[in-house]
Structure formats: structure tokens, C-alpha cells
Amino acid sequence: VDDSTLAMDEPHLAGTGRAPQVLCNAATAAALGLTEGAAASVSTDRGAITWPVRLADLPDGVVWLPGNSGGSPVRATLGAGHCALVTVTPGGKA
């Protein structure tokens, strides 16, 4: 659950949402020098978002971020959508 219009006026639904995180699998995290729970910065030439890392069942080489969550709308901040190329660095370094 993110900050979408579907959750407007639905505090019980909105309350089930998690804090935004950068999701990737263990192999991708290791290749990028990321540690679960530690900060990672996802950036493009337009901007950057820094959130904690959570390991998830995703394909190698893929990171996933919620599209509109926690005051950091990914599409607006990064100018990135599905299948966009981004830079991912550990520790919040853009």
C-alpha cells in the first residue's frame, strides 16, 4: 500500500502500508555492496531517493521501489518508471 489515491479517505487501508524500502535479492545486494537494513541511494540524473534495503525474492540485477510512497514519489523524484536504469549505491551516497 502506497500513497495512491486508492488509499485516500481509507485510514485503515493506509495504515497497513510499510515504510518505503529498496528491495532486491541477496545476490544483487552483495554485488552492489548493500546490506539489509542499511541505507541505499537510488539515483538518476534527475534526483535520488535513500531508503533502507530489504532482501526480497526478485530476479538478479533488479531493484524495486514503491512508486508513490513515504513522501518520496519515485516517478517524480527520479523521472523513472518500470524497467528504468538507475544507479544504486550503499550508504546513501549518490
PDB file of N, CA and C in Angstrom:
ATOM      1  N   VAL A   1       0.857  -1.167   0.000  1.00  0.00           N
ATOM      2  CA  VAL A   1       0.000   0.000   0.000  1.00  0.00           C
ATOM      3  C   VAL A   1       0.901   1.226   0.000  1.00  0.00           C
ATOM      4  N   ASP A   2       0.672   2.117  -0.957  1.00  0.00           N
ATOM      5  CA  ASP A   2       1.458   3.341  -1.013  1.00  0.00           C
ATOM      6  C   ASP A   2       0.535   4.546  -0.837  1.00  0.00           C
ATOM      7  N   ASP A   3       1.005   5.713  -1.230  1.00  0.00           N
ATOM      8  CA  ASP A   3       0.216   6.931  -1.072  1.00  0.00           C
ATOM      9  C   ASP A   3      -0.693   7.178  -2.274  1.00  0.00           C
ATOM     10  N   SER A   4      -1.224   6.130  -2.852  1.00  0.00           N
ATOM     11  CA  SER A   4      -2.063   6.261  -4.042  1.00  0.00           C
ATOM     12  C   SER A   4      -3.438   6.814  -3.691  1.00  0.00           C
ATOM     13  N   THR A   5      -4.146   7.234  -4.713  1.00  0.00           N
ATOM     14  CA  THR A   5      -5.491   7.755  -4.491  1.00  0.00           C
ATOM     15  C   THR A   5      -6.447   6.671  -4.007  1.00  0.00           C
ATOM     16  N   LEU A   6      -6.104   5.405  -4.226  1.00  0.00           N
ATOM     17  CA  LEU A   6      -6.971   4.324  -3.747  1.00  0.00           C
ATOM     18  C   LEU A   6      -7.022   4.272  -2.226  1.00  0.00           C
ATOM     19  N   ALA A   7      -5.987   4.806  -1.560  1.00  0.00           N
ATOM     20  CA  ALA A   7      -5.951   4.788  -0.102  1.00  0.00           C
ATOM     21  C   ALA A   7      -6.507   6.071   0.513  1.00  0.00           C
ATOM     22  N   MET A   8      -6.863   7.036  -0.322  1.00  0.00           N
ATOM     23  CA  MET A   8      -7.421   8.285   0.203  1.00  0.00           C
ATOM     24  C   MET A   8      -8.715   7.997   0.950  1.00  0.00           C
ATOM     25  N   ASP A   9      -8.878   8.645   2.065  1.00  0.00           N
ATOM     26  CA  ASP A   9     -10.086   8.506   2.883  1.00  0.00           C
ATOM     27  C   ASP A   9     -10.294   7.077   3.380  1.00  0.00           C
ATOM     28  N   GLU A  10      -9.247   6.282   3.379  1.00  0.00           N
ATOM     29  CA  GLU A  10      -9.306   4.910   3.892  1.00  0.00           C
ATOM     30  C   GLU A  10      -8.178   4.722   4.905  1.00  0.00           C
ATOM     31  N   PRO A  11      -8.301   5.298   6.107  1.00  0.00           N
ATOM     32  CA  PRO A  11      -7.206   5.235   7.073  1.00  0.00           C
ATOM     33  C   PRO A  11      -6.836   3.812   7.484  1.00  0.00           C
ATOM     34  N   HIS A  12      -7.792   2.896   7.475  1.00  0.00           N
ATOM     35  CA  HIS A  12      -7.485   1.523   7.867  1.00  0.00           C
ATOM     36  C   HIS A  12      -6.628   0.839   6.802  1.00  0.00           C
ATOM     37  N   LEU A  13      -6.941   1.069   5.543  1.00  0.00           N
ATOM     38  CA  LEU A  13      -6.132   0.523   4.457  1.00  0.00           C
ATOM     39  C   LEU A  13      -4.761   1.188   4.440  1.00  0.00           C
ATOM     40  N   ALA A  14      -4.729   2.498   4.528  1.00  0.00           N
ATOM     41  CA  ALA A  14      -3.459   3.220   4.513  1.00  0.00           C
ATOM     42  C   ALA A  14      -2.572   2.792   5.680  1.00  0.00           C
ATOM     43  N   GLY A  15      -3.174   2.450   6.803  1.00  0.00           N
ATOM     44  CA  GLY A  15      -2.415   2.023   7.976  1.00  0.00           C
ATOM     45  C   GLY A  15      -1.716   0.691   7.811  1.00  0.00           C
ATOM     46  N   THR A  16      -2.052  -0.079   6.777  1.00  0.00           N
ATOM     47  CA  THR A  16      -1.388  -1.364   6.551  1.00  0.00           C
ATOM     48  C   THR A  16      -0.103  -1.211   5.745  1.00  0.00           C
ATOM     49  N   GLY A  17       0.154  -0.026   5.232  1.00  0.00           N
ATOM     50  CA  GLY A  17       1.342   0.194   4.413  1.00  0.00           C
ATOM     51  C   GLY A  17       2.625   0.105   5.225  1.00  0.00           C
ATOM     52  N   ARG A  18       3.684  -0.327   4.585  1.00  0.00           N
ATOM     53  CA  ARG A  18       5.006  -0.397   5.212  1.00  0.00           C
ATOM     54  C   ARG A  18       5.796   0.856   4.859  1.00  0.00           C
ATOM     55  N   ALA A  19       6.822   1.102   5.635  1.00  0.00           N
ATOM     56  CA  ALA A  19       7.738   2.190   5.298  1.00  0.00           C
ATOM     57  C   ALA A  19       8.410   1.841   3.973  1.00  0.00           C
ATOM     58  N   PRO A  20       8.692   2.824   3.130  1.00  0.00           N
ATOM     59  CA  PRO A  20       9.314   2.530   1.834  1.00  0.00           C
ATOM     60  C   PRO A  20      10.713   1.958   2.001  1.00  0.00           C
ATOM     61  N   GLN A  21      11.044   1.009   1.145  1.00  0.00           N
ATOM     62  CA  GLN A  21      12.338   0.339   1.173  1.00  0.00           C
ATOM     63  C   GLN A  21      12.799   0.064  -0.246  1.00  0.00           C
ATOM     64  N   VAL A  22      14.103  -0.122  -0.397  1.00  0.00           N
ATOM     65  CA  VAL A  22      14.703  -0.567  -1.657  1.00  0.00           C
ATOM     66  C   VAL A  22      14.757  -2.087  -1.590  1.00  0.00           C
ATOM     67  N   LEU A  23      14.039  -2.770  -2.462  1.00  0.00           N
ATOM     68  CA  LEU A  23      14.011  -4.227  -2.452  1.00  0.00           C
ATOM     69  C   LEU A  23      14.920  -4.790  -3.531  1.00  0.00           C
ATOM     70  N   CYS A  24      15.663  -5.843  -3.180  1.00  0.00           N
ATOM     71  CA  CYS A  24      16.492  -6.584  -4.134  1.00  0.00           C
ATOM     72  C   CYS A  24      16.793  -7.947  -3.526  1.00  0.00           C
ATOM     73  N   ASN A  25      17.332  -8.856  -4.347  1.00  0.00           N
ATOM     74  CA  ASN A  25      17.673 -10.168  -3.801  1.00  0.00           C
ATOM     75  C   ASN A  25      19.076 -10.138  -3.193  1.00  0.00           C
ATOM     76  N   ALA A  26      19.453 -11.207  -2.514  1.00  0.00           N
ATOM     77  CA  ALA A  26      20.735 -11.257  -1.805  1.00  0.00           C
ATOM     78  C   ALA A  26      21.924 -11.136  -2.753  1.00  0.00           C
ATOM     79  N   ALA A  27      21.854 -11.761  -3.927  1.00  0.00           N
ATOM     80  CA  ALA A  27      22.968 -11.695  -4.879  1.00  0.00           C
ATOM     81  C   ALA A  27      23.158 -10.273  -5.405  1.00  0.00           C
ATOM     82  N   THR A  28      22.075  -9.606  -5.713  1.00  0.00           N
ATOM     83  CA  THR A  28      22.155  -8.223  -6.189  1.00  0.00           C
ATOM     84  C   THR A  28      22.688  -7.320  -5.082  1.00  0.00           C
ATOM     85  N   ALA A  29      22.202  -7.511  -3.860  1.00  0.00           N
ATOM     86  CA  ALA A  29      22.690  -6.715  -2.731  1.00  0.00           C
ATOM     87  C   ALA A  29      24.195  -6.892  -2.560  1.00  0.00           C
ATOM     88  N   ALA A  30      24.666  -8.130  -2.606  1.00  0.00           N
ATOM     89  CA  ALA A  30      26.100  -8.387  -2.453  1.00  0.00           C
ATOM     90  C   ALA A  30      26.900  -7.737  -3.575  1.00  0.00           C
ATOM     91  N   ALA A  31      26.412  -7.842  -4.801  1.00  0.00           N
ATOM     92  CA  ALA A  31      27.117  -7.258  -5.946  1.00  0.00           C
ATOM     93  C   ALA A  31      27.204  -5.737  -5.849  1.00  0.00           C
ATOM     94  N   LEU A  32      26.213  -5.121  -5.227  1.00  0.00           N
ATOM     95  CA  LEU A  32      26.184  -3.659  -5.102  1.00  0.00           C
ATOM     96  C   LEU A  32      26.767  -3.160  -3.784  1.00  0.00           C
ATOM     97  N   GLY A  33      27.162  -4.084  -2.906  1.00  0.00           N
ATOM     98  CA  GLY A  33      27.704  -3.694  -1.607  1.00  0.00           C
ATOM     99  C   GLY A  33      26.647  -3.238  -0.623  1.00  0.00           C
ATOM    100  N   LEU A  34      25.418  -3.733  -0.799  1.00  0.00           N
ATOM    101  CA  LEU A  34      24.310  -3.345   0.066  1.00  0.00           C
ATOM    102  C   LEU A  34      24.121  -4.358   1.183  1.00  0.00           C
ATOM    103  N   THR A  35      23.636  -3.886   2.321  1.00  0.00           N
ATOM    104  CA  THR A  35      23.353  -4.734   3.470  1.00  0.00           C
ATOM    105  C   THR A  35      21.904  -4.524   3.887  1.00  0.00           C
ATOM    106  N   GLU A  36      21.214  -5.615   4.182  1.00  0.00           N
ATOM    107  CA  GLU A  36      19.811  -5.494   4.583  1.00  0.00           C
ATOM    108  C   GLU A  36      19.684  -4.582   5.797  1.00  0.00           C
ATOM    109  N   GLY A  37      18.765  -3.644   5.720  1.00  0.00           N
ATOM    110  CA  GLY A  37      18.526  -2.695   6.797  1.00  0.00           C
ATOM    111  C   GLY A  37      19.345  -1.419   6.695  1.00  0.00           C
ATOM    112  N   ALA A  38      20.449  -1.471   5.961  1.00  0.00           N
ATOM    113  CA  ALA A  38      21.286  -0.283   5.781  1.00  0.00           C
ATOM    114  C   ALA A  38      20.728   0.581   4.654  1.00  0.00           C
ATOM    115  N   ALA A  39      21.141   1.826   4.621  1.00  0.00           N
ATOM    116  CA  ALA A  39      20.647   2.751   3.602  1.00  0.00           C
ATOM    117  C   ALA A  39      21.254   2.457   2.239  1.00  0.00           C
ATOM    118  N   ALA A  40      20.451   2.674   1.210  1.00  0.00           N
ATOM    119  CA  ALA A  40      20.917   2.621  -0.177  1.00  0.00           C
ATOM    120  C   ALA A  40      20.308   3.807  -0.904  1.00  0.00           C
ATOM    121  N   SER A  41      21.092   4.405  -1.778  1.00  0.00           N
ATOM    122  CA  SER A  41      20.614   5.524  -2.579  1.00  0.00           C
ATOM    123  C   SER A  41      20.354   5.037  -3.992  1.00  0.00           C
ATOM    124  N   VAL A  42      19.167   5.317  -4.499  1.00  0.00           N
ATOM    125  CA  VAL A  42      18.803   5.006  -5.877  1.00  0.00           C
ATOM    126  C   VAL A  42      18.698   6.348  -6.588  1.00  0.00           C
ATOM    127  N   SER A  43      19.455   6.499  -7.684  1.00  0.00           N
ATOM    128  CA  SER A  43      19.510   7.816  -8.315  1.00  0.00           C
ATOM    129  C   SER A  43      19.492   7.742  -9.835  1.00  0.00           C
ATOM    130  N   THR A  44      19.107   8.867 -10.417  1.00  0.00           N
ATOM    131  CA  THR A  44      19.203   9.129 -11.849  1.00  0.00           C
ATOM    132  C   THR A  44      19.792  10.532 -11.965  1.00  0.00           C
ATOM    133  N   ASP A  45      19.938  11.019 -13.171  1.00  0.00           N
ATOM    134  CA  ASP A  45      20.446  12.379 -13.332  1.00  0.00           C
ATOM    135  C   ASP A  45      19.440  13.424 -12.846  1.00  0.00           C
ATOM    136  N   ARG A  46      18.245  12.999 -12.536  1.00  0.00           N
ATOM    137  CA  ARG A  46      17.188  13.910 -12.090  1.00  0.00           C
ATOM    138  C   ARG A  46      17.103  14.056 -10.575  1.00  0.00           C
ATOM    139  N   GLY A  47      17.510  13.013  -9.826  1.00  0.00           N
ATOM    140  CA  GLY A  47      17.406  13.076  -8.372  1.00  0.00           C
ATOM    141  C   GLY A  47      17.776  11.756  -7.730  1.00  0.00           C
ATOM    142  N   ALA A  48      17.612  11.689  -6.414  1.00  0.00           N
ATOM    143  CA  ALA A  48      17.962  10.481  -5.660  1.00  0.00           C
ATOM    144  C   ALA A  48      16.978  10.276  -4.517  1.00  0.00           C
ATOM    145  N   ILE A  49      16.808   9.015  -4.159  1.00  0.00           N
ATOM    146  CA  ILE A  49      15.997   8.619  -3.013  1.00  0.00           C
ATOM    147  C   ILE A  49      16.835   7.660  -2.189  1.00  0.00           C
ATOM    148  N   THR A  50      16.872   7.862  -0.884  1.00  0.00           N
ATOM    149  CA  THR A  50      17.629   6.984   0.001  1.00  0.00           C
ATOM    150  C   THR A  50      16.678   6.341   0.996  1.00  0.00           C
ATOM    151  N   TRP A  51      16.626   5.021   0.948  1.00  0.00           N
ATOM    152  CA  TRP A  51      15.784   4.233   1.835  1.00  0.00           C
ATOM    153  C   TRP A  51      16.568   3.012   2.307  1.00  0.00           C
ATOM    154  N   PRO A  52      16.105   2.331   3.364  1.00  0.00           N
ATOM    155  CA  PRO A  52      16.751   1.097   3.798  1.00  0.00           C
ATOM    156  C   PRO A  52      16.530  -0.040   2.794  1.00  0.00           C
ATOM    157  N   VAL A  53      17.453  -0.973   2.809  1.00  0.00           N
ATOM    158  CA  VAL A  53      17.405  -2.143   1.922  1.00  0.00           C
ATOM    159  C   VAL A  53      16.641  -3.271   2.603  1.00  0.00           C
ATOM    160  N   ARG A  54      15.808  -3.956   1.839  1.00  0.00           N
ATOM    161  CA  ARG A  54      15.156  -5.184   2.301  1.00  0.00           C
ATOM    162  C   ARG A  54      15.364  -6.249   1.248  1.00  0.00           C
ATOM    163  N   LEU A  55      15.830  -7.417   1.676  1.00  0.00           N
ATOM    164  CA  LEU A  55      16.025  -8.531   0.747  1.00  0.00           C
ATOM    165  C   LEU A  55      14.673  -9.147   0.405  1.00  0.00           C
ATOM    166  N   ALA A  56      14.509  -9.471  -0.874  1.00  0.00           N
ATOM    167  CA  ALA A  56      13.236  -9.995  -1.365  1.00  0.00           C
ATOM    168  C   ALA A  56      13.496 -10.981  -2.497  1.00  0.00           C
ATOM    169  N   ASP A  57      12.483 -11.707  -2.863  1.00  0.00           N
ATOM    170  CA  ASP A  57      12.565 -12.689  -3.946  1.00  0.00           C
ATOM    171  C   ASP A  57      12.345 -11.983  -5.285  1.00  0.00           C
ATOM    172  N   LEU A  58      13.428 -11.421  -5.825  1.00  0.00           N
ATOM    173  CA  LEU A  58      13.396 -10.709  -7.101  1.00  0.00           C
ATOM    174  C   LEU A  58      14.482 -11.274  -8.011  1.00  0.00           C
ATOM    175  N   PRO A  59      14.393 -11.060  -9.305  1.00  0.00           N
ATOM    176  CA  PRO A  59      15.440 -11.534 -10.222  1.00  0.00           C
ATOM    177  C   PRO A  59      16.774 -10.826  -9.956  1.00  0.00           C
ATOM    178  N   ASP A  60      17.860 -11.483 -10.324  1.00  0.00           N
ATOM    179  CA  ASP A  60      19.185 -10.873 -10.199  1.00  0.00           C
ATOM    180  C   ASP A  60      19.248  -9.582 -11.003  1.00  0.00           C
ATOM    181  N   GLY A  61      19.908  -8.579 -10.442  1.00  0.00           N
ATOM    182  CA  GLY A  61      20.113  -7.318 -11.137  1.00  0.00           C
ATOM    183  C   GLY A  61      18.933  -6.367 -11.106  1.00  0.00           C
ATOM    184  N   VAL A  62      17.904  -6.714 -10.336  1.00  0.00           N
ATOM    185  CA  VAL A  62      16.696  -5.887 -10.268  1.00  0.00           C
ATOM    186  C   VAL A  62      16.580  -5.273  -8.877  1.00  0.00           C
ATOM    187  N   VAL A  63      16.269  -3.978  -8.824  1.00  0.00           N
ATOM    188  CA  VAL A  63      15.853  -3.343  -7.576  1.00  0.00           C
ATOM    189  C   VAL A  63      14.437  -2.827  -7.796  1.00  0.00           C
ATOM    190  N   TRP A  64      13.656  -2.830  -6.736  1.00  0.00           N
ATOM    191  CA  TRP A  64      12.264  -2.383  -6.827  1.00  0.00           C
ATOM    192  C   TRP A  64      12.003  -1.382  -5.724  1.00  0.00           C
ATOM    193  N   LEU A  65      11.309  -0.313  -6.070  1.00  0.00           N
ATOM    194  CA  LEU A  65      10.882   0.696  -5.109  1.00  0.00           C
ATOM    195  C   LEU A  65       9.394   0.930  -5.308  1.00  0.00           C
ATOM    196  N   PRO A  66       8.655   1.192  -4.225  1.00  0.00           N
ATOM    197  CA  PRO A  66       7.252   1.533  -4.406  1.00  0.00           C
ATOM    198  C   PRO A  66       7.153   2.838  -5.184  1.00  0.00           C
ATOM    199  N   GLY A  67       6.175   2.949  -6.032  1.00  0.00           N
ATOM    200  CA  GLY A  67       6.089   4.086  -6.940  1.00  0.00           C
ATOM    201  C   GLY A  67       5.708   5.409  -6.317  1.00  0.00           C
ATOM    202  N   ASN A  68       5.003   5.395  -5.195  1.00  0.00           N
ATOM    203  CA  ASN A  68       4.492   6.645  -4.636  1.00  0.00           C
ATOM    204  C   ASN A  68       4.317   6.465  -3.138  1.00  0.00           C
ATOM    205  N   SER A  69       5.423   6.533  -2.402  1.00  0.00           N
ATOM    206  CA  SER A  69       5.344   6.165  -1.001  1.00  0.00           C
ATOM    207  C   SER A  69       6.214   7.047  -0.122  1.00  0.00           C
ATOM    208  N   GLY A  70       5.735   7.281   1.069  1.00  0.00           N
ATOM    209  CA  GLY A  70       6.536   7.900   2.106  1.00  0.00           C
ATOM    210  C   GLY A  70       7.082   9.276   1.799  1.00  0.00           C
ATOM    211  N   GLY A  71       6.353  10.065   1.050  1.00  0.00           N
ATOM    212  CA  GLY A  71       6.826  11.402   0.760  1.00  0.00           C
ATOM    213  C   GLY A  71       7.920  11.467  -0.286  1.00  0.00           C
ATOM    214  N   SER A  72       8.245  10.360  -0.916  1.00  0.00           N
ATOM    215  CA  SER A  72       9.255  10.340  -1.978  1.00  0.00           C
ATOM    216  C   SER A  72       8.676   9.667  -3.213  1.00  0.00           C
ATOM    217  N   PRO A  73       7.900  10.381  -3.981  1.00  0.00           N
ATOM    218  CA  PRO A  73       7.328   9.781  -5.187  1.00  0.00           C
ATOM    219  C   PRO A  73       8.423   9.450  -6.196  1.00  0.00           C
ATOM    220  N   VAL A  74       8.645   8.175  -6.422  1.00  0.00           N
ATOM    221  CA  VAL A  74       9.753   7.710  -7.255  1.00  0.00           C
ATOM    222  C   VAL A  74       9.698   8.298  -8.660  1.00  0.00           C
ATOM    223  N   ARG A  75       8.565   8.228  -9.287  1.00  0.00           N
ATOM    224  CA  ARG A  75       8.492   8.717 -10.676  1.00  0.00           C
ATOM    225  C   ARG A  75       8.785  10.212 -10.766  1.00  0.00           C
ATOM    226  N   ALA A  76       8.271  10.985  -9.824  1.00  0.00           N
ATOM    227  CA  ALA A  76       8.504  12.429  -9.850  1.00  0.00           C
ATOM    228  C   ALA A  76       9.940  12.774  -9.460  1.00  0.00           C
ATOM    229  N   THR A  77      10.482  12.101  -8.455  1.00  0.00           N
ATOM    230  CA  THR A  77      11.827  12.419  -7.971  1.00  0.00           C
ATOM    231  C   THR A  77      12.904  11.935  -8.927  1.00  0.00           C
ATOM    232  N   LEU A  78      12.769  10.699  -9.412  1.00  0.00           N
ATOM    233  CA  LEU A  78      13.805  10.108 -10.263  1.00  0.00           C
ATOM    234  C   LEU A  78      13.515  10.250 -11.750  1.00  0.00           C
ATOM    235  N   GLY A  79      12.272  10.528 -12.098  1.00  0.00           N
ATOM    236  CA  GLY A  79      11.920  10.519 -13.512  1.00  0.00           C
ATOM    237  C   GLY A  79      12.024   9.118 -14.083  1.00  0.00           C
ATOM    238  N   ALA A  80      11.795   8.120 -13.230  1.00  0.00           N
ATOM    239  CA  ALA A  80      11.965   6.717 -13.616  1.00  0.00           C
ATOM    240  C   ALA A  80      10.662   5.958 -13.403  1.00  0.00           C
ATOM    241  N   GLY A  81      10.407   5.022 -14.291  1.00  0.00           N
ATOM    242  CA  GLY A  81       9.251   4.154 -14.173  1.00  0.00           C
ATOM    243  C   GLY A  81       9.698   2.709 -14.253  1.00  0.00           C
ATOM    244  N   HIS A  82       8.816   1.850 -14.680  1.00  0.00           N
ATOM    245  CA  HIS A  82       9.125   0.428 -14.804  1.00  0.00           C
ATOM    246  C   HIS A  82      10.298   0.216 -15.754  1.00  0.00           C
ATOM    247  N   CYS A  83      11.206  -0.666 -15.381  1.00  0.00           N
ATOM    248  CA  CYS A  83      12.354  -1.084 -16.203  1.00  0.00           C
ATOM    249  C   CYS A  83      13.344   0.045 -16.491  1.00  0.00           C
ATOM    250  N   ALA A  84      13.336   1.092 -15.712  1.00  0.00           N
ATOM    251  CA  ALA A  84      14.282   2.194 -15.906  1.00  0.00           C
ATOM    252  C   ALA A  84      15.654   1.811 -15.360  1.00  0.00           C
ATOM    253  N   LEU A  85      16.697   2.321 -15.985  1.00  0.00           N
ATOM    254  CA  LEU A  85      18.053   2.131 -15.484  1.00  0.00           C
ATOM    255  C   LEU A  85      18.346   3.198 -14.440  1.00  0.00           C
ATOM    256  N   VAL A  86      18.828   2.752 -13.294  1.00  0.00           N
ATOM    257  CA  VAL A  86      19.153   3.652 -12.194  1.00  0.00           C
ATOM    258  C   VAL A  86      20.530   3.287 -11.649  1.00  0.00           C
ATOM    259  N   THR A  87      21.086   4.166 -10.839  1.00  0.00           N
ATOM    260  CA  THR A  87      22.334   3.892 -10.134  1.00  0.00           C
ATOM    261  C   THR A  87      21.985   3.610  -8.680  1.00  0.00           C
ATOM    262  N   VAL A  88      22.562   2.544  -8.131  1.00  0.00           N
ATOM    263  CA  VAL A  88      22.301   2.178  -6.739  1.00  0.00           C
ATOM    264  C   VAL A  88      23.631   2.136  -6.006  1.00  0.00           C
ATOM    265  N   THR A  89      23.723   2.893  -4.906  1.00  0.00           N
ATOM    266  CA  THR A  89      24.948   2.932  -4.116  1.00  0.00           C
ATOM    267  C   THR A  89      24.616   2.715  -2.646  1.00  0.00           C
ATOM    268  N   PRO A  90      25.533   2.117  -1.891  1.00  0.00           N
ATOM    269  CA  PRO A  90      25.288   1.884  -0.470  1.00  0.00           C
ATOM    270  C   PRO A  90      25.469   3.155   0.353  1.00  0.00           C
ATOM    271  N   GLY A  91      24.853   3.145   1.512  1.00  0.00           N
ATOM    272  CA  GLY A  91      25.098   4.187   2.495  1.00  0.00           C
ATOM    273  C   GLY A  91      24.553   5.557   2.173  1.00  0.00           C
ATOM    274  N   GLY A  92      23.672   5.647   1.218  1.00  0.00           N
ATOM    275  CA  GLY A  92      23.096   6.935   0.896  1.00  0.00           C
ATOM    276  C   GLY A  92      23.994   7.839   0.096  1.00  0.00           C
ATOM    277  N   LYS A  93      25.080   7.299  -0.478  1.00  0.00           N
ATOM    278  CA  LYS A  93      25.961   8.110  -1.317  1.00  0.00           C
ATOM    279  C   LYS A  93      25.421   8.106  -2.738  1.00  0.00           C
ATOM    280  N   ALA A  94      25.051   9.256  -3.242  1.00  0.00           N
ATOM    281  CA  ALA A  94      24.511   9.337  -4.608  1.00  0.00           C
ATOM    282  C   ALA A  94      25.631   9.426  -5.626  1.00  0.00           C
TER     283      ALA A  94
END
